[in-house]
Protein backbone atom coordinates (compact mmCIF):
# COMPACT_ATOMS: atom_id res chain seq x y z
CA MET A 1 2.42 24.93 15.32
CA LEU A 2 -0.13 23.55 12.90
CA ASN A 3 -3.87 24.08 13.32
CA ILE A 4 -6.95 22.35 11.97
CA GLY A 5 -7.74 23.72 8.51
CA ASP A 6 -4.16 24.67 7.59
CA LEU A 7 -3.15 23.90 4.01
CA VAL A 8 0.07 21.88 4.14
CA LYS A 9 2.57 20.06 1.97
CA ALA A 10 5.28 17.52 2.70
CA SER A 11 8.43 19.10 4.11
CA TYR A 12 11.65 19.18 2.11
CA THR A 13 13.05 16.42 4.33
CA GLU A 14 10.00 14.22 3.73
CA GLU A 15 10.23 14.77 -0.05
CA CYS A 16 13.93 13.82 -0.04
CA TYR A 17 13.18 10.68 1.96
CA GLU A 18 10.52 9.58 -0.52
CA ILE A 19 12.79 10.30 -3.50
CA ALA A 20 15.61 8.29 -1.92
CA PHE A 21 13.33 5.28 -1.54
CA GLY A 22 11.70 5.54 -4.97
CA CYS A 23 8.36 7.04 -3.96
CA SER A 24 8.68 10.52 -5.51
CA LYS A 25 5.35 10.31 -7.36
CA ILE A 26 3.51 9.75 -4.08
CA THR A 27 4.48 13.22 -2.79
CA GLN A 28 3.34 14.88 -6.01
CA GLU A 29 -0.02 13.09 -5.93
CA ARG A 30 -0.67 13.99 -2.29
CA ASN A 31 0.24 17.70 -2.19
CA PRO A 32 -1.47 19.84 -1.01
CA GLY A 33 -3.41 18.61 2.00
CA ILE A 34 -5.56 19.96 4.83
CA VAL A 35 -4.97 19.28 8.53
CA MET A 36 -8.18 17.58 9.65
CA ASP A 37 -7.35 16.68 13.26
CA PHE A 38 -4.42 16.31 15.65
CA ASN A 39 -3.43 14.83 18.98
CA SER A 40 -0.36 15.36 21.15
CA ILE A 41 1.85 13.35 18.77
CA LYS A 42 0.45 13.35 15.22
CA TYR A 43 -1.40 15.57 12.73
CA PHE A 44 -3.96 13.90 10.49
CA VAL A 45 -3.86 15.25 6.93
CA LEU A 46 -6.43 14.74 4.17
CA TRP A 47 -4.45 14.82 0.93
CA ARG A 48 -5.66 15.92 -2.50
CA ASN A 49 -5.77 12.30 -3.69
CA GLY A 50 -8.17 11.36 -0.83
CA GLU A 51 -5.68 9.69 1.52
CA LEU A 52 -5.90 10.44 5.24
CA LYS A 53 -2.50 9.95 6.88
CA ALA A 54 -0.83 10.79 10.20
CA TYR A 55 2.38 12.87 10.35
CA SER A 56 4.56 14.51 12.95
CA GLU A 57 4.93 18.30 12.79
CA GLY A 58 8.44 18.10 11.30
CA GLN A 59 7.18 16.18 8.29
CA LEU A 60 4.82 18.98 7.19
CA GLU A 61 5.19 22.54 5.95
CA VAL A 62 2.39 25.12 6.09
CA ILE A 63 1.37 26.62 2.75
CA SER A 64 -1.54 28.70 4.05
CA GLU A 65 -2.88 29.13 7.58
CA SER A 66 -6.55 28.73 8.42
CA ARG A 67 -8.46 31.73 9.74
């Protein structure tokens, strides 16, 4: 389970999906990100490039857990 403040990156599946549809640079520009908020369905991630996007838990991989 992800928590607010966790450092995350796109999961392997998400990276493959973006490569398949020609968006591979987007993943590189976004990683890493910080979980800013969540609800029962989505996690809201603030990416390195300043984007704030919503993802399901399966689309993210934890790099470092918050304290």
